[in-house]
Amino acid sequence: MVKINKFILSLAVSIIAVIASWNPSAVTANSEGDALYSLRRSLFDPDNVLQSWDPNLVNPCTWFHVTCNQDNHVTRVDLGNSNLSGHLVPDLGKLEHLQYLELYKNNIQGSIPVELGNLRSLISLDLYNNNLTGVVPHSLGKLKSLVFLRLNDNHLTGPIPRSLAGISSLKVVDVSNNDLCGTIPTSGPFEHIPLNNFENNPRLEGPELQGLASYDTNCS
C-alpha cells in the first residue's frame, strides 16, 4: 500500500509540473511558425533570405524578417524586394496578430488567398509589383483595421470588391496597372482616394456616381 501511494504521489507531481510548464502563447507562436514555414516551402528563395526560418525552433520570433510582440505573436513579415518567387499560401490567414504583410517587389505568382481576410489585425497589405493573378478577394473587406492596401502592378482581374468601401480606416488603395474591370466606388474611404490609384486598368470605369451599386455588367 505504501509503494502504491508513493507511485500515485509521484504521478501527481509529474502532472502538476507539466501543467505548470504549459505556455499557451508558446503553442500559438509555434502554430504561427508552421504557417510561415508553409510560406517558405511555397517560395523559391535564390538569395537565401529565408534561411533562418527553422521549423524546429519553439517560435519564429528569432527568424530574420519576422517581428513579434511581447507575447511572441507575429506582428510583421517584411520580405519586400527579396527576389522571391512562387505562391502565397492559405496558411497565412492563421497569423491572427499580423499587422504588416510586406511582400512587394518580388516575382510572386498565383492568386491572393481568400484566407487573408482572417487577418483582423492587419494594418498594411503590400503586394504590389509582383505577378499576381485572379481577383481581389471579397474577404479583404473583413480587414477593419486596414489602412494601406497596395496591389498595383500585378495582373489582377475582375471588379474592385464593394466590401472594401466598408473599411473606415482605409486611407490608401492602389490597384493601378492591373487588368481590373467594372466601376470605381466613391463611397466611404474611396471618396478621398485619388483616381490615379486606379489608372491603367483597361476595363475599369469610374468614378461610380451611385456609390455602392452592383458590379458593372461589362465586368466578367
Protein backbone atom coordinates (compact mmCIF):
# COMPACT_ATOMS: atom_id res chain seq x y z
CA MET A 1 0.00 0.00 0.00
CA VAL A 2 2.88 2.37 0.79
CA LYS A 3 4.51 1.68 -2.59
CA ILE A 4 1.22 2.37 -4.41
CA ASN A 5 0.75 5.67 -2.54
CA LYS A 6 4.30 6.73 -3.46
CA PHE A 7 3.61 5.93 -7.12
CA ILE A 8 0.38 7.94 -7.10
CA LEU A 9 2.13 10.85 -5.41
CA SER A 10 4.96 10.79 -7.94
CA LEU A 11 2.49 10.69 -10.84
CA ALA A 12 0.52 13.61 -9.40
CA VAL A 13 3.68 15.71 -9.03
CA SER A 14 4.62 14.98 -12.65
CA ILE A 15 1.19 16.02 -13.91
CA ILE A 16 1.31 19.26 -11.91
CA ALA A 17 4.77 20.04 -13.32
CA VAL A 18 3.55 19.56 -16.89
CA ILE A 19 0.53 21.79 -16.31
CA ALA A 20 2.68 24.48 -14.70
CA SER A 21 5.13 24.49 -17.61
CA TRP A 22 2.45 24.66 -20.30
CA ASN A 23 2.53 28.01 -22.07
CA PRO A 24 -0.44 28.73 -24.36
CA SER A 25 1.41 31.59 -26.07
CA ALA A 26 4.24 29.23 -27.00
CA VAL A 27 1.76 26.85 -28.61
CA THR A 28 0.22 29.72 -30.57
CA ALA A 29 3.63 31.02 -31.61
CA ASN A 30 4.56 27.57 -32.83
CA SER A 31 1.41 27.39 -34.98
CA GLU A 32 2.33 30.79 -36.42
CA GLY A 33 5.77 29.40 -37.20
CA ASP A 34 4.11 26.49 -39.00
CA ALA A 35 2.12 28.97 -41.11
CA LEU A 36 5.23 30.94 -42.04
CA TYR A 37 7.19 27.79 -42.79
CA SER A 38 4.39 26.78 -45.15
CA LEU A 39 5.01 30.08 -46.95
CA ARG A 40 8.73 29.38 -47.09
CA ARG A 41 8.14 25.99 -48.71
CA SER A 42 5.98 27.59 -51.40
CA LEU A 43 8.61 30.18 -52.36
CA PHE A 44 11.80 29.99 -54.41
CA ASP A 45 14.49 31.87 -52.49
CA PRO A 46 17.71 32.16 -54.54
CA ASP A 47 19.27 34.69 -52.14
CA ASN A 48 18.54 32.60 -49.01
CA VAL A 49 16.74 35.41 -47.22
CA LEU A 50 14.58 32.76 -45.51
CA GLN A 51 17.49 30.61 -44.36
CA SER A 52 16.81 31.37 -40.69
CA TRP A 53 13.21 30.15 -40.90
CA ASP A 54 13.84 26.94 -38.97
CA PRO A 55 10.66 24.97 -38.11
CA ASN A 56 12.44 23.22 -35.23
CA LEU A 57 12.59 26.39 -33.12
CA VAL A 58 9.96 26.99 -30.43
CA ASN A 59 8.64 30.08 -32.18
CA PRO A 60 9.51 32.21 -35.24
CA CYS A 61 10.40 35.36 -33.29
CA THR A 62 14.14 34.79 -33.84
CA TRP A 63 13.76 34.49 -37.61
CA PHE A 64 15.05 37.27 -39.84
CA HIS A 65 12.35 39.45 -41.46
CA VAL A 66 9.82 38.49 -38.75
CA THR A 67 8.78 40.78 -35.88
CA CYS A 68 6.85 39.68 -32.80
CA ASN A 69 5.18 41.46 -29.92
CA GLN A 70 5.95 40.90 -26.22
CA ASP A 71 3.68 37.85 -26.21
CA ASN A 72 5.65 36.19 -29.02
CA HIS A 73 2.90 36.67 -31.60
CA VAL A 74 3.98 37.51 -35.14
CA THR A 75 3.08 41.12 -36.00
CA ARG A 76 5.23 41.83 -39.07
CA VAL A 77 6.55 39.93 -42.06
CA ASP A 78 8.98 42.09 -44.07
CA LEU A 79 10.00 40.41 -47.31
CA GLY A 80 9.75 43.29 -49.74
CA ASN A 81 12.24 43.36 -52.66
CA SER A 82 13.72 39.98 -51.69
CA ASN A 83 13.89 38.30 -55.11
CA LEU A 84 11.28 35.71 -54.13
CA SER A 85 9.06 33.79 -56.49
CA GLY A 86 6.39 31.15 -56.01
CA HIS A 87 2.93 31.40 -54.47
CA LEU A 88 1.18 32.73 -51.40
CA VAL A 89 -0.41 30.13 -49.12
CA PRO A 90 -3.79 29.97 -47.33
CA ASP A 91 -1.93 29.30 -44.05
CA LEU A 92 -1.06 33.00 -43.88
CA GLY A 93 -4.62 33.52 -42.67
CA LYS A 94 -3.64 31.87 -39.36
CA LEU A 95 -1.42 34.82 -38.35
CA GLU A 96 -4.23 36.47 -36.41
CA HIS A 97 -1.98 39.09 -34.77
CA LEU A 98 -0.25 40.12 -38.00
CA GLN A 99 -0.30 43.88 -38.65
CA TYR A 100 2.07 44.25 -41.61
CA LEU A 101 2.43 41.86 -44.54
CA GLU A 102 5.13 43.28 -46.82
CA LEU A 103 5.81 41.17 -49.92
CA TYR A 104 6.15 43.89 -52.55
CA LYS A 105 8.62 43.92 -55.47
CA ASN A 106 9.09 40.19 -55.83
CA ASN A 107 8.03 37.72 -58.51
CA ILE A 108 5.20 36.05 -56.61
CA GLN A 109 2.58 34.44 -58.82
CA GLY A 110 -0.86 32.91 -58.44
CA SER A 111 -3.87 34.29 -56.61
CA ILE A 112 -4.36 36.23 -53.39
CA PRO A 113 -5.67 33.69 -50.83
CA VAL A 114 -9.17 34.47 -49.56
CA GLU A 115 -7.87 33.45 -46.12
CA LEU A 116 -6.06 36.79 -45.86
CA GLY A 117 -9.47 38.12 -44.86
CA ASN A 118 -8.91 36.41 -41.48
CA LEU A 119 -6.05 38.80 -40.60
CA ARG A 120 -8.27 41.05 -38.48
CA SER A 121 -5.30 42.99 -37.02
CA LEU A 122 -3.78 43.82 -40.41
CA ILE A 123 -2.86 47.46 -40.98
CA SER A 124 -0.83 47.21 -44.17
CA LEU A 125 -1.11 44.73 -47.06
CA ASP A 126 1.59 45.46 -49.64
CA LEU A 127 1.66 43.01 -52.53
CA TYR A 128 2.49 45.46 -55.30
CA ASN A 129 4.97 44.81 -58.11
CA ASN A 130 4.50 41.06 -58.34
CA ASN A 131 2.86 38.77 -60.90
CA LEU A 132 -0.33 38.02 -59.02
CA THR A 133 -3.37 36.91 -60.99
CA GLY A 134 -7.03 36.23 -60.21
CA VAL A 135 -9.44 38.54 -58.43
CA VAL A 136 -9.14 40.83 -55.43
CA PRO A 137 -10.85 38.70 -52.75
CA HIS A 138 -14.13 40.00 -51.37
CA SER A 139 -12.95 38.71 -47.97
CA LEU A 140 -10.48 41.59 -47.68
CA GLY A 141 -13.49 43.68 -46.67
CA LYS A 142 -13.30 41.99 -43.25
CA LEU A 143 -9.98 43.72 -42.51
CA LYS A 144 -11.50 46.53 -40.42
CA SER A 145 -8.09 47.78 -39.19
CA LEU A 146 -6.60 48.06 -42.68
CA VAL A 147 -5.05 51.43 -43.58
CA PHE A 148 -2.83 50.62 -46.58
CA LEU A 149 -3.85 48.31 -49.44
CA ARG A 150 -1.36 48.35 -52.32
CA LEU A 151 -1.94 45.79 -55.05
CA ASN A 152 -0.71 47.82 -58.01
CA ASP A 153 1.48 46.48 -60.83
CA ASN A 154 0.15 42.92 -60.93
CA HIS A 155 -2.17 41.08 -63.31
CA LEU A 156 -5.32 41.06 -61.19
CA THR A 157 -8.70 40.79 -62.90
CA GLY A 158 -12.36 41.27 -62.02
CA PRO A 159 -14.02 44.14 -60.13
CA ILE A 160 -12.99 46.10 -57.08
CA PRO A 161 -14.81 44.39 -54.18
CA ARG A 162 -17.53 46.67 -52.78
CA SER A 163 -16.76 45.24 -49.35
CA LEU A 164 -13.64 47.45 -49.26
CA ALA A 165 -15.82 50.55 -49.07
CA GLY A 166 -16.90 49.43 -45.59
CA ILE A 167 -13.38 49.76 -44.13
CA SER A 168 -13.47 53.18 -42.47
CA SER A 169 -9.77 53.10 -41.55
CA LEU A 170 -8.64 52.67 -45.16
CA LYS A 171 -6.50 55.61 -46.30
CA VAL A 172 -4.56 54.26 -49.28
CA VAL A 173 -5.84 51.96 -52.01
CA ASP A 174 -3.67 51.49 -55.09
CA VAL A 175 -4.76 48.97 -57.73
CA SER A 176 -3.25 50.75 -60.74
CA ASN A 177 -1.60 48.79 -63.54
CA ASN A 178 -3.76 45.67 -63.34
CA ASP A 179 -6.50 44.23 -65.56
CA LEU A 180 -9.46 45.14 -63.36
CA CYS A 181 -12.90 45.89 -64.74
CA GLY A 182 -16.18 47.39 -63.60
CA THR A 183 -16.61 50.69 -61.81
CA ILE A 184 -14.73 52.57 -59.13
CA PRO A 185 -16.68 53.13 -55.88
CA THR A 186 -16.76 56.60 -54.37
CA SER A 187 -18.38 55.74 -51.03
CA GLY A 188 -16.61 55.53 -47.69
CA PRO A 189 -12.81 55.71 -47.89
CA PHE A 190 -12.88 55.77 -51.71
CA GLU A 191 -14.28 59.29 -51.59
CA HIS A 192 -10.82 60.71 -50.83
CA ILE A 193 -8.61 58.27 -52.79
CA PRO A 194 -7.14 59.87 -55.96
CA LEU A 195 -8.26 58.39 -59.28
CA ASN A 196 -4.69 57.88 -60.45
CA ASN A 197 -4.52 54.98 -57.96
CA PHE A 198 -6.85 53.14 -60.37
CA GLU A 199 -5.18 54.03 -63.66
CA ASN A 200 -4.09 51.64 -66.42
CA ASN A 201 -6.89 49.16 -65.87
CA PRO A 202 -8.29 48.96 -69.43
CA ARG A 203 -11.81 47.91 -68.41
CA LEU A 204 -12.19 49.88 -65.20
CA GLU A 205 -14.70 52.73 -65.33
CA GLY A 206 -15.27 55.45 -62.81
CA PRO A 207 -15.95 57.18 -60.66
CA GLU A 208 -19.11 55.36 -59.71
CA LEU A 209 -21.72 58.06 -59.29
CA GLN A 210 -24.15 55.93 -57.30
CA GLY A 211 -21.71 54.73 -54.65
CA LEU A 212 -22.30 51.13 -53.63
CA ALA A 213 -24.07 49.72 -56.64
CA SER A 214 -23.90 46.29 -58.15
CA TYR A 215 -20.92 45.23 -60.25
CA ASP A 216 -20.72 46.66 -63.75
CA THR A 217 -22.48 44.36 -66.20
CA ASN A 218 -19.50 44.58 -68.58
CA CYS A 219 -17.17 43.05 -65.98
CA SER A 220 -16.72 39.33 -66.50
